[in-house]
Protein backbone atom coordinates (compact mmCIF):
# COMPACT_ATOMS: atom_id res chain seq x y z
CA MET A 1 -0.01 0.00 -0.05
CA SER A 2 1.39 3.42 -0.91
CA LEU A 3 1.91 6.28 1.40
CA PHE A 4 -0.68 8.20 -0.48
CA GLY A 5 -3.25 5.52 0.35
CA ALA A 6 -2.26 5.24 3.99
CA GLU A 7 -2.92 8.89 4.86
CA PRO A 8 -6.55 8.98 3.79
CA MET A 9 -7.17 5.69 5.67
CA ALA A 10 -5.61 7.07 8.82
CA ALA A 11 -7.57 10.29 8.43
CA ALA A 12 -10.78 8.29 7.95
CA ALA A 13 -10.11 6.28 11.13
CA ALA A 14 -9.41 9.45 13.11
CA HIS A 15 -12.58 11.00 11.77
CA ALA A 16 -14.55 7.92 12.78
CA ARG A 17 -13.22 8.14 16.35
CA GLN A 18 -14.20 11.79 16.51
CA ALA A 19 -17.66 11.32 15.03
CA PRO A 20 -20.72 11.71 17.27
CA LEU A 21 -21.77 8.65 19.19
CA ALA A 22 -24.97 8.32 17.15
CA GLU A 23 -22.87 8.11 13.99
CA ARG A 24 -20.37 5.67 15.44
CA MET A 25 -23.13 3.36 16.69
CA ARG A 26 -25.04 3.40 13.38
CA PRO A 27 -26.08 -0.20 12.64
CA ARG A 28 -24.10 -1.90 9.96
CA SER A 29 -26.46 -4.76 9.25
CA LEU A 30 -30.03 -5.86 9.68
CA ALA A 31 -28.96 -7.92 12.68
CA GLU A 32 -27.85 -4.72 14.43
CA TYR A 33 -30.84 -2.69 13.32
CA THR A 34 -33.45 -1.95 16.02
CA GLY A 35 -37.17 -1.33 15.50
CA GLN A 36 -39.49 -1.44 12.51
CA GLU A 37 -40.38 -5.09 13.10
CA HIS A 38 -43.57 -4.56 11.07
CA LEU A 39 -41.36 -4.14 8.00
CA LEU A 40 -38.19 -6.10 8.82
CA ALA A 41 -39.24 -9.17 10.76
CA ALA A 42 -38.96 -12.52 8.92
CA GLY A 43 -41.51 -12.63 6.17
CA LYS A 44 -42.43 -8.90 6.36
CA PRO A 45 -42.56 -6.87 3.13
CA LEU A 46 -39.34 -4.83 3.31
CA ARG A 47 -37.30 -7.74 4.63
CA LEU A 48 -38.47 -9.91 1.66
CA ALA A 49 -37.68 -7.08 -0.80
CA ILE A 50 -34.12 -6.80 0.62
CA GLU A 51 -33.51 -10.53 0.65
CA ARG A 52 -34.81 -10.89 -2.95
CA ASP A 53 -32.73 -7.93 -4.11
CA ASP A 54 -35.81 -6.24 -5.41
CA PRO A 55 -34.71 -3.24 -7.49
CA ALA A 56 -37.83 -1.11 -6.87
CA SER A 57 -37.35 2.42 -5.68
CA MET A 58 -38.93 3.39 -2.35
CA ILE A 59 -39.78 6.17 0.02
CA PHE A 60 -39.22 5.85 3.78
CA TRP A 61 -41.75 7.94 5.72
CA GLY A 62 -41.28 8.44 9.40
CA PRO A 63 -40.20 10.73 12.22
CA PRO A 64 -36.57 11.77 12.78
CA GLY A 65 -34.09 9.39 14.25
CA VAL A 66 -35.80 6.11 13.49
CA GLY A 67 -33.20 4.78 11.06
CA LYS A 68 -34.28 5.89 7.55
CA THR A 69 -30.71 6.72 6.39
CA THR A 70 -29.29 3.70 8.18
CA LEU A 71 -31.71 1.39 6.47
CA ALA A 72 -30.88 2.79 3.06
CA LYS A 73 -27.14 2.20 3.72
CA ILE A 74 -27.80 -1.36 4.89
CA ILE A 75 -29.80 -2.04 1.68
CA ALA A 76 -26.86 -0.76 -0.42
CA GLN A 77 -24.50 -3.05 1.49
CA VAL A 78 -26.69 -6.14 1.28
CA THR A 79 -27.36 -5.61 -2.48
CA GLU A 80 -23.75 -4.63 -3.22
CA ALA A 81 -24.74 -1.31 -4.74
CA SER A 82 -22.88 2.02 -4.76
CA PHE A 83 -24.40 4.38 -2.23
CA ILE A 84 -24.68 8.07 -2.90
CA GLU A 85 -26.27 10.28 -0.32
CA PHE A 86 -27.78 13.70 -0.84
CA SER A 87 -29.76 16.07 1.32
CA ALA A 88 -32.48 18.06 -0.34
CA VAL A 89 -31.61 20.86 2.05
CA LEU A 90 -28.02 21.15 0.93
CA SER A 91 -28.00 19.84 -2.63
CA GLY A 92 -29.58 21.16 -5.80
CA ILE A 93 -30.96 19.18 -8.63
CA LYS A 94 -28.02 20.10 -10.79
CA GLU A 95 -25.63 18.07 -8.65
CA ILE A 96 -27.96 15.16 -8.50
CA LYS A 97 -28.47 15.12 -12.27
CA GLN A 98 -24.70 14.86 -12.67
CA VAL A 99 -24.68 11.91 -10.37
CA MET A 100 -27.54 10.26 -12.27
CA VAL A 101 -25.65 10.65 -15.59
CA GLU A 102 -22.59 9.02 -14.07
CA ALA A 103 -24.79 6.26 -12.59
CA GLU A 104 -26.21 5.64 -16.05
CA LYS A 105 -22.70 5.18 -17.44
CA ALA A 106 -21.80 2.80 -14.54
CA ALA A 107 -25.01 0.83 -15.22
CA GLY A 108 -23.62 0.08 -18.69
CA PHE A 109 -20.79 -1.80 -16.96
CA GLY A 110 -23.10 -3.70 -14.67
CA SER A 111 -22.66 -1.43 -11.62
CA ARG A 112 -25.72 -0.51 -9.53
CA THR A 113 -26.29 2.78 -7.76
CA ILE A 114 -28.62 3.60 -4.87
CA LEU A 115 -29.29 7.33 -4.69
CA PHE A 116 -30.50 8.27 -1.23
CA VAL A 117 -32.18 11.66 -0.95
CA ASP A 118 -32.89 12.85 2.57
CA GLU A 119 -35.84 15.18 3.08
CA ILE A 120 -36.93 14.55 -0.47
CA HIS A 121 -40.17 16.46 0.19
CA ARG A 122 -38.13 19.68 0.07
CA PHE A 123 -37.68 19.30 -3.71
CA ASN A 124 -40.41 20.98 -5.69
CA LYS A 125 -42.53 19.17 -8.28
CA ALA A 126 -40.20 20.08 -11.21
CA GLN A 127 -37.17 18.88 -9.29
CA GLN A 128 -38.85 15.64 -8.35
CA ASP A 129 -39.83 15.10 -11.98
CA ALA A 130 -36.16 15.06 -12.90
CA PHE A 131 -35.84 11.68 -11.16
CA LEU A 132 -38.56 10.04 -13.27
CA PRO A 133 -36.68 8.92 -16.40
CA TYR A 134 -33.79 7.46 -14.37
CA VAL A 135 -36.11 5.63 -12.01
CA GLU A 136 -38.18 4.27 -14.90
CA ARG A 137 -35.17 2.96 -16.76
CA GLY A 138 -33.72 1.49 -13.60
CA THR A 139 -30.51 3.56 -13.94
CA ILE A 140 -30.73 4.35 -10.26
CA ARG A 141 -32.57 2.89 -7.36
CA LEU A 142 -34.02 5.92 -5.60
CA ILE A 143 -34.59 5.79 -1.86
CA GLY A 144 -36.16 8.95 -0.52
CA ALA A 145 -36.62 9.78 3.13
CA THR A 146 -39.25 12.17 4.45
CA THR A 147 -40.86 13.18 7.66
CA GLU A 148 -43.87 14.52 5.82
CA ASN A 149 -46.82 12.62 4.38
CA PRO A 150 -45.72 11.48 0.89
CA SER A 151 -49.29 11.71 -0.42
CA PHE A 152 -49.11 15.47 0.01
CA GLU A 153 -45.38 16.18 -0.49
CA ILE A 154 -44.29 13.78 -3.25
CA ASN A 155 -45.71 14.32 -6.73
CA ALA A 156 -47.97 11.59 -7.98
CA ALA A 157 -45.87 10.51 -10.94
CA LEU A 158 -42.84 9.81 -8.79
CA LEU A 159 -44.90 8.35 -5.95
CA SER A 160 -46.54 5.85 -8.29
CA ARG A 161 -43.08 4.49 -9.20
CA CYS A 162 -41.97 4.04 -5.55
CA ARG A 163 -43.06 1.79 -2.72
CA VAL A 164 -43.84 3.71 0.47
CA TYR A 165 -42.74 2.21 3.71
CA THR A 166 -43.91 3.87 7.02
CA LEU A 167 -41.39 3.80 9.79
CA VAL A 168 -42.49 4.37 13.35
CA ALA A 169 -40.81 5.95 16.41
CA LEU A 170 -38.79 3.60 18.52
CA THR A 171 -40.29 2.51 21.88
CA GLU A 172 -38.63 3.62 25.10
CA GLU A 173 -37.57 0.04 25.76
CA GLN A 174 -35.85 -0.07 22.28
CA ILE A 175 -34.08 3.22 23.04
CA VAL A 176 -32.85 1.95 26.40
CA GLY A 177 -31.51 -1.13 24.63
CA LEU A 178 -29.56 1.08 22.17
CA LEU A 179 -28.14 3.13 25.07
CA GLN A 180 -27.04 -0.02 26.86
CA ARG A 181 -25.38 -1.29 23.71
CA ALA A 182 -23.48 2.02 23.29
CA LEU A 183 -22.29 1.92 26.91
CA ALA A 184 -20.95 -1.66 26.46
CA ASP A 185 -19.40 -1.31 23.00
CA SER A 186 -15.64 -0.74 23.36
CA GLU A 187 -14.99 -0.46 19.57
CA ARG A 188 -17.50 2.17 18.54
CA GLY A 189 -19.28 3.18 21.71
CA LEU A 190 -18.39 4.20 25.25
CA GLY A 191 -17.21 0.84 26.57
CA ALA A 192 -13.60 1.98 26.95
CA MET A 193 -14.68 4.66 29.42
CA GLY A 194 -15.89 1.98 31.88
CA LEU A 195 -19.03 3.90 32.74
CA GLU A 196 -22.21 2.54 34.28
CA ALA A 197 -25.64 4.10 34.06
CA ASP A 198 -28.58 3.94 36.45
CA ALA A 199 -31.70 2.38 35.04
CA GLU A 200 -33.51 5.66 35.90
CA ALA A 201 -30.90 7.70 33.98
CA LEU A 202 -31.40 5.61 30.79
CA ALA A 203 -35.15 5.71 31.19
CA THR A 204 -35.00 9.48 31.52
CA ILE A 205 -33.04 9.88 28.30
CA ALA A 206 -35.31 7.47 26.48
CA SER A 207 -38.41 9.30 27.74
CA TYR A 208 -37.22 12.65 26.47
CA SER A 209 -35.99 11.29 23.14
CA SER A 210 -39.54 10.86 21.81
CA GLY A 211 -38.50 7.73 19.91
CA ASP A 212 -35.47 9.48 18.25
CA ALA A 213 -32.48 7.25 18.60
CA ARG A 214 -30.03 9.98 17.42
CA ASN A 215 -31.21 12.36 20.12
CA ALA A 216 -30.97 9.71 22.79
CA LEU A 217 -27.40 8.67 21.82
CA ASN A 218 -26.28 12.27 21.61
CA ALA A 219 -27.62 12.92 25.11
CA LEU A 220 -25.85 9.86 26.42
CA ASP A 221 -22.64 11.07 24.79
CA VAL A 222 -23.02 14.44 26.62
CA ALA A 223 -23.77 12.70 29.91
CA ALA A 224 -20.67 10.49 29.49
CA SER A 225 -18.49 13.52 28.83
CA LEU A 226 -19.84 15.25 31.94
CA ALA A 227 -19.20 12.14 34.09
CA GLU A 228 -15.66 11.74 32.74
CA GLY A 229 -14.83 15.44 33.26
CA ARG A 230 -15.90 15.15 36.90
CA GLY A 231 -14.13 11.90 37.54
CA GLU A 232 -17.39 10.04 38.07
CA ARG A 233 -17.96 6.47 36.97
CA ALA A 234 -21.78 6.47 36.89
CA ILE A 235 -24.39 8.31 34.88
CA THR A 236 -27.19 9.21 37.30
CA LYS A 237 -30.65 10.50 36.62
CA ALA A 238 -29.50 13.97 37.72
CA LEU A 239 -26.60 13.85 35.27
CA ALA A 240 -28.90 12.70 32.52
CA ALA A 241 -31.16 15.62 33.20
CA GLU A 242 -28.21 17.95 33.00
CA ALA A 243 -27.12 16.43 29.67
CA LEU A 244 -30.66 16.96 28.40
CA GLN A 245 -30.36 20.56 29.53
CA ARG A 246 -33.74 20.44 31.23
CA ARG A 247 -35.13 19.77 34.67
CA VAL A 248 -36.57 16.26 34.93
CA LEU A 249 -40.01 16.61 36.46
CA LEU A 250 -41.31 14.26 39.10
CA TYR A 251 -43.51 12.10 37.00
CA ASP A 252 -43.97 8.39 36.63
CA LYS A 253 -45.82 7.52 33.44
CA LYS A 254 -46.85 4.15 34.81
CA GLY A 255 -47.42 5.22 38.39
CA GLU A 256 -49.49 7.48 40.62
CA GLN A 257 -48.41 10.85 39.13
CA HIS A 258 -49.64 9.72 35.74
CA TYR A 259 -53.22 9.23 37.01
CA ASP A 260 -53.10 12.19 39.37
CA ILE A 261 -52.03 14.73 36.76
CA ILE A 262 -54.41 13.55 34.05
CA SER A 263 -57.16 13.74 36.72
CA ALA A 264 -56.14 17.32 37.59
CA LEU A 265 -56.22 18.24 33.89
CA HIS A 266 -59.67 16.72 33.40
CA LYS A 267 -61.16 18.32 36.53
CA SER A 268 -59.64 21.72 35.67
CA VAL A 269 -61.31 21.57 32.27
CA ARG A 270 -64.59 20.53 33.83
CA ASN A 271 -64.38 23.45 36.27
CA SER A 272 -63.71 25.94 33.37
CA ASP A 273 -60.24 26.80 34.73
CA ALA A 274 -58.23 27.42 31.53
CA ASP A 275 -55.04 28.39 33.37
CA ALA A 276 -54.91 25.32 35.53
CA ALA A 277 -55.80 23.11 32.54
CA LEU A 278 -52.84 24.58 30.60
CA TYR A 279 -50.52 24.04 33.54
CA TRP A 280 -51.40 20.39 33.99
CA LEU A 281 -51.22 19.76 30.28
CA GLY A 282 -47.73 21.31 30.32
CA ARG A 283 -46.67 19.16 33.27
CA MET A 284 -47.59 15.97 31.34
CA LEU A 285 -46.06 16.95 28.04
CA GLU A 286 -42.85 18.44 29.45
CA ALA A 287 -42.37 15.36 31.62
CA GLY A 288 -42.33 13.17 28.47
CA GLU A 289 -45.87 11.72 28.61
CA ASP A 290 -47.07 10.10 25.39
CA PRO A 291 -48.79 13.06 23.66
CA MET A 292 -51.23 10.72 21.89
CA TYR A 293 -52.38 9.45 25.29
CA VAL A 294 -53.08 13.05 26.28
CA ALA A 295 -54.86 13.66 22.96
CA ARG A 296 -57.18 10.68 23.53
CA ARG A 297 -58.10 11.89 26.98
CA VAL A 298 -58.77 15.40 25.64
CA VAL A 299 -61.21 13.89 23.12
CA ARG A 300 -62.82 12.01 25.99
CA MET A 301 -63.31 15.34 27.81
CA ALA A 302 -65.07 16.85 24.79
CA VAL A 303 -67.76 14.15 24.78
CA GLU A 304 -68.08 13.71 28.53
CA ASP A 305 -68.05 17.23 29.85
CA ILE A 306 -68.98 19.40 26.88
CA GLY A 307 -71.22 17.25 24.81
CA LEU A 308 -73.94 18.89 22.77
CA ALA A 309 -73.58 22.21 24.65
CA ALA A 310 -70.71 22.93 22.19
CA PRO A 311 -70.69 20.02 19.71
CA GLU A 312 -67.89 21.65 17.67
CA ALA A 313 -65.53 20.84 20.60
CA LEU A 314 -65.27 17.23 19.48
CA ASN A 315 -64.06 18.24 16.00
CA LEU A 316 -61.57 20.69 17.44
CA CYS A 317 -60.13 17.98 19.69
CA LEU A 318 -59.96 15.41 16.87
CA SER A 319 -58.15 18.07 14.79
CA ALA A 320 -55.69 18.65 17.64
CA ARG A 321 -55.02 14.89 17.88
CA ASP A 322 -54.33 14.79 14.13
CA ALA A 323 -52.08 17.81 14.38
CA MET A 324 -50.06 16.13 17.20
CA HIS A 325 -49.76 12.96 15.06
CA PHE A 326 -48.67 15.04 12.04
CA LEU A 327 -46.33 17.46 13.78
CA GLY A 328 -45.07 15.52 16.82
CA GLN A 329 -43.58 17.35 19.73
CA PRO A 330 -42.95 20.11 20.54
CA GLU A 331 -45.05 21.80 17.86
CA GLY A 332 -48.04 19.53 18.32
CA GLY A 333 -48.25 20.51 21.97
CA LEU A 334 -49.70 23.85 20.89
CA ALA A 335 -52.60 22.12 19.16
CA LEU A 336 -53.43 20.25 22.39
CA ALA A 337 -53.09 23.47 24.35
CA GLN A 338 -55.55 25.15 22.02
CA ALA A 339 -58.05 22.30 22.47
CA VAL A 340 -57.67 22.31 26.26
CA VAL A 341 -58.24 26.01 26.59
CA TYR A 342 -61.34 25.81 24.31
CA LEU A 343 -62.74 22.96 26.40
CA ALA A 344 -62.20 24.84 29.61
CA LEU A 345 -63.95 27.93 28.33
CA ALA A 346 -66.75 26.12 26.47
CA PRO A 347 -70.22 25.71 28.01
CA LYS A 348 -70.48 22.46 29.97
CA SER A 349 -72.94 19.64 29.87
CA ASN A 350 -72.76 15.99 30.90
CA ALA A 351 -76.36 15.38 29.79
CA LEU A 352 -75.37 13.15 26.94
CA TYR A 353 -72.88 11.27 29.15
CA THR A 354 -75.57 10.76 31.77
CA ALA A 355 -78.15 9.79 29.12
CA TYR A 356 -76.01 7.10 27.65
CA GLY A 357 -75.18 5.74 31.13
CA ALA A 358 -78.89 5.47 31.78
CA VAL A 359 -79.37 3.62 28.51
CA GLN A 360 -76.62 1.16 29.46
CA ALA A 361 -78.17 0.62 32.85
CA ASP A 362 -81.60 -0.14 31.32
CA ILE A 363 -80.08 -2.51 28.80
CA GLU A 364 -78.38 -4.35 31.62
CA ALA A 365 -81.40 -4.36 33.96
CA THR A 366 -84.31 -5.09 31.54
CA ALA A 367 -85.13 -7.84 29.16
CA ALA A 368 -84.02 -7.51 25.56
CA GLU A 369 -87.48 -6.52 24.32
CA PRO A 370 -88.37 -7.04 20.68
CA VAL A 371 -88.61 -4.11 18.24
CA PRO A 372 -92.18 -2.84 18.08
CA LEU A 373 -93.94 -4.26 14.99
CA HIS A 374 -94.65 -0.87 13.47
CA LEU A 375 -90.87 -0.10 13.33
CA ARG A 376 -89.97 -3.30 11.53
CA ASN A 377 -89.46 -3.58 7.81
CA ALA A 378 -91.78 -5.89 5.90
CA PRO A 379 -89.95 -6.98 2.72
CA THR A 380 -92.01 -10.25 2.37
CA LYS A 381 -95.71 -11.08 2.20
CA LEU A 382 -95.49 -13.27 5.33
CA MET A 383 -94.03 -10.37 7.31
CA LYS A 384 -96.85 -8.09 6.18
CA GLU A 385 -99.40 -10.73 7.23
CA LEU A 386 -97.71 -10.80 10.64
CA ASP A 387 -98.26 -7.00 10.91
CA TYR A 388 -94.66 -6.03 10.43
CA GLY A 389 -94.68 -2.32 9.57
CA LYS A 390 -98.36 -1.90 10.34
CA ASP A 391 -99.38 1.60 11.54
CA TYR A 392 -95.88 2.96 10.80
CA GLN A 393 -96.06 6.74 10.20
CA TYR A 394 -93.54 8.27 7.78
CA ALA A 395 -92.48 11.47 9.54
CA HIS A 396 -91.88 13.43 6.38
CA ASP A 397 -95.57 12.99 5.42
CA VAL A 398 -97.06 14.30 8.61
CA GLU A 399 -97.57 17.84 9.85
CA GLY A 400 -94.62 19.13 11.78
CA ARG A 401 -92.49 16.21 10.61
CA VAL A 402 -93.24 14.48 13.96
CA ALA A 403 -95.57 11.48 14.15
CA ASP A 404 -97.51 10.46 17.27
CA MET A 405 -95.75 7.09 17.33
CA GLU A 406 -93.85 5.29 20.15
CA CYS A 407 -90.38 4.14 19.21
CA LEU A 408 -89.16 2.57 22.43
CA PRO A 409 -90.03 -1.06 23.45
CA ALA A 410 -93.23 -1.43 25.37
CA GLY A 411 -91.54 -1.92 28.72
CA LEU A 412 -89.64 1.39 28.38
CA ARG A 413 -92.47 3.42 26.91
CA GLY A 414 -92.21 7.06 27.91
CA ARG A 415 -88.67 6.73 29.24
CA ARG A 416 -86.63 9.89 28.79
CA TYR A 417 -82.87 9.59 28.83
CA TYR A 418 -81.49 12.81 27.38
CA GLN A 419 -82.18 15.82 29.61
CA PRO A 420 -80.46 18.82 27.96
CA THR A 421 -79.19 21.67 30.10
CA ASN A 422 -79.60 25.40 29.42
CA GLU A 423 -75.93 25.68 28.58
CA GLY A 424 -74.67 26.69 25.11
CA ARG A 425 -76.23 24.91 22.15
CA GLU A 426 -78.16 22.54 24.49
CA LYS A 427 -80.54 25.40 25.35
CA LEU A 428 -81.75 25.26 21.70
CA LEU A 429 -81.94 21.49 21.84
CA ALA A 430 -84.06 21.68 24.97
CA GLN A 431 -86.41 24.05 23.21
CA ARG A 432 -86.64 21.69 20.24
CA MET A 433 -87.43 18.75 22.47
CA ASP A 434 -90.20 20.79 24.12
CA GLU A 435 -91.61 21.58 20.73
CA ILE A 436 -91.52 17.93 19.65
CA ALA A 437 -93.35 16.96 22.88
CA ARG A 438 -95.96 19.66 22.25
CA ILE A 439 -96.60 18.42 18.67
CA LYS A 440 -97.09 14.89 19.93
CA ARG A 441 -99.48 15.99 22.71
CA GLU A 442 -101.61 18.00 20.27
CA LYS A 443 -101.77 15.05 17.84
CA LYS A 444 -102.86 12.70 20.67
CA ALA A 445 -105.45 15.16 21.82
CA GLY A 446 -106.76 15.63 18.28
CA GLY A 447 -106.61 11.88 17.55
CA SER A 448 -104.76 12.50 14.31
CA GLY A 449 -102.41 9.68 13.43
CA GLY A 450 -101.35 11.37 10.22
CA GLU A 451 -100.59 8.16 8.28
């Protein structure tokens, strides 16, 4: 080996040692790769595509730090293809076109090229169209990575020529496993430092990483540097909090605080205290609570405590849930904050909640009575002879669009479950219910069935 070849190799080795921990610990094979079992477990679609050396182009859609770039590199290694990486933030289409021309020449000699484009959604439609001829001819195998929904951000022509694989955030248990591996690995990780880490410290880092392996490993790297600089041999929860540059709140997602704080949030909303509701929401989100759990509970508040007094609250809360799913933290937290403040300030009613509870109680306590004959359909002659549908009144054909006809089973006749309040929209619903009752009384008094 020449001296000219030795220097670059030595420089590369030095660079590798100085690289961030997340880069050094990047998995080099599917065996080392963590997560995405729904795609990579034995017999799953992406695993089969890799094993069969399927040449199809693909789009990886998922949140940051879940292994999109790593997976593309592993595919290149397994399929023995040249790997060229571009970022749509830093590279223009001119540079990528040059690469594609060179890849086309290489293809003539039997060489294969994987072109990996990170944040491919940042290219506009015209730029994305430039990939089409090369993807169609098989000159390159395009692997794009995006954190945005490909249906909206990737043009249809390119999307139709790619398979879309959805990657999901890593679980906290998977993140802890990666951190433990980095602490033990003497070749690429922190093993040579001889550090130990408390289970609480690793759980804290994993909790704040929001499923992002890169963030978690970078935080561990900082914590290890802090410990080494102070001559300490253990990474504690306090040290992990310092590495994360934030105060770790007293909060156990599986314990008492979890239930106490969500209870405080719910009761603050119910009591129309917007400030307290915002505070308890912040306590949960800043402590690393699963934001989708909070979103589900906020939706529950809309139907339990607001109900038909402000029926638009449910749509607002569902939109906040979708925004959190789309944006993630921290941006999505604002959507939940908006929903929580609206719920707190909205008119309150548990009338629907109470009504449905009464229905459930009656179903449990009474016999399963048959549907009254006049409410049954009669598609056959026999059913008509058995009086199915007899005396049914079509509401649209009667005055007031309300028929004098009982729709509950005989044993529950006259039962009233829904008792609207005078709050918000329910005041109008109460007036409508009174009007319906008046129409029925007048029809009974007048003896008009209105068939």
